[in-house]
Amino acid sequence: MPSTFLKRRRRRVAKAARPIKSLESWLHNRRCMWSPKIAYATRGVRCGFGLVATRGLKKGDVLFAVPAFAALGARGARDVGDTQRREATKLIAEARRGGMSDWAPFLRTLRPAPCPWTWAADEVELLRGTELETVVNLKLKRLAAERRLVERAVGPLTEAAYARACAVVASHANPWFGRAVVPFNCTLNHSVARDDVVFEQRDGFLIGRSKRSRGPGELFQCYADAHAELIYRYGFAPRDVDGALPGDVVSINLVDLGRVCRGGDARVPTDAPITRVTYGPVTKALLAATAVEASPWDGLEGTLTIELGLGGEGLGKLVGAAMALGANPAAFQTRLRAFDAALTAAGRDFERDEDTWAAGVVAAATDLVGGDGDGLLAAAITAGGPGRDP
């Protein structure tokens, strides 16, 4: 006769297996296909639901194929930018149907991530002075405005409930089928050091293949290579990394740099969304030289920054931008036009790329047009190139 302990253990195992069996039945009904070498799991995985290899895999093995029919958010109008309103509305509506929802087995696998817009006020204060401070404040304002629209579709809704629904979408949606929450793909837990699956969208399916030959165990994907994005979209900083990540940067705001270089003569930044931005000649030249770039965060489209990487990447851009901003504006424009005219006169119009404009910016800022300016252009072309400081 089995002992009481064994009976209880069997009951716990059976209870834990029920959601996965229900999910597998749902996946079959949605025409999903997967290898017998992989499985959904809640035990022995890093967090929540995970995807594990139950047997050894070979590089290129097809792990799963998911049709758009099984992806939440793949049909109908899609959200654009940093909003999850449409997908969150569908998620909330289906969740309120409970077990009657066609999506119920899949929804049980989705857990809200602790994104910073779901944090308590004192926790949000921890972001003060960081790149995410303004971004999160803008997000909170956007959520408050969106919630009133969503209530028209789903009924009364608390701020916290809507924020959690948006956190589910933000942390699980990926750019497949436009943007959607796709089974298997959204179940892979994060690892900085491990990226076990490669994806391909073909013939209406998202196909996942093994990236390398490997033994049994949990499968991972790298969500992002920068702390800012991991904290914003997923609400965590990786514990298996000591120090900075490859994509970590320090962003220098062009407005702040302008204040330093011009003794405070720069426009005041705003935390309100910008719909139209007009740049002056100096800023246009810096953009052409890719010395500055638009902020990647929604709501900050008018914010230009210089990003400094771990190995000093971007330092040349910072110096060049500082030189241009510190120069006399009228003289800078005159010299830049002269540099442009010199290119045309020499029949070198084809060289108007980012490296050429970088040379032009420095030449105009230091009055090196002609003579030494030609040497500067040659140096810029030699030392510059894609992915390098002009």
Foldseek 3Di string as FASTA:
>chain_A
DDDPVVVVVVVVVVVQCVLQVVVVVLQVVQVKDADPQKGWDQPQDDDQIFMWGNWWAAFFAWGIKGFLSQWQQLDDDHDDALDCLVSLLVLVQQVVVAPVHSCNSVNVRFFFFPAVLLDDPVVLCVCPPHPCNLLSVLVNVVLVVSQVVSCVVRNDDDSNSSVRSSRSQLQQWDCDSNITRTPPSSRAAADLVAAFWDWDQDPRIIIITGNHTDGIHTHHHHPDQFQVSCCRNRNDDDPVDDDGGQPYWDWAWLQVLLCVLVVHPGDDDDSAADDDEDDDPLVVLLVQLVLWDADPHGSRRRIITQIAGPVRASVLSSVLSSLLSNADVVQLVVQLVLLVVVCVVVVNPVPSHNLQSSLSSNCSSVVVRPDVSVVSSVVSVVQDDPPGRD
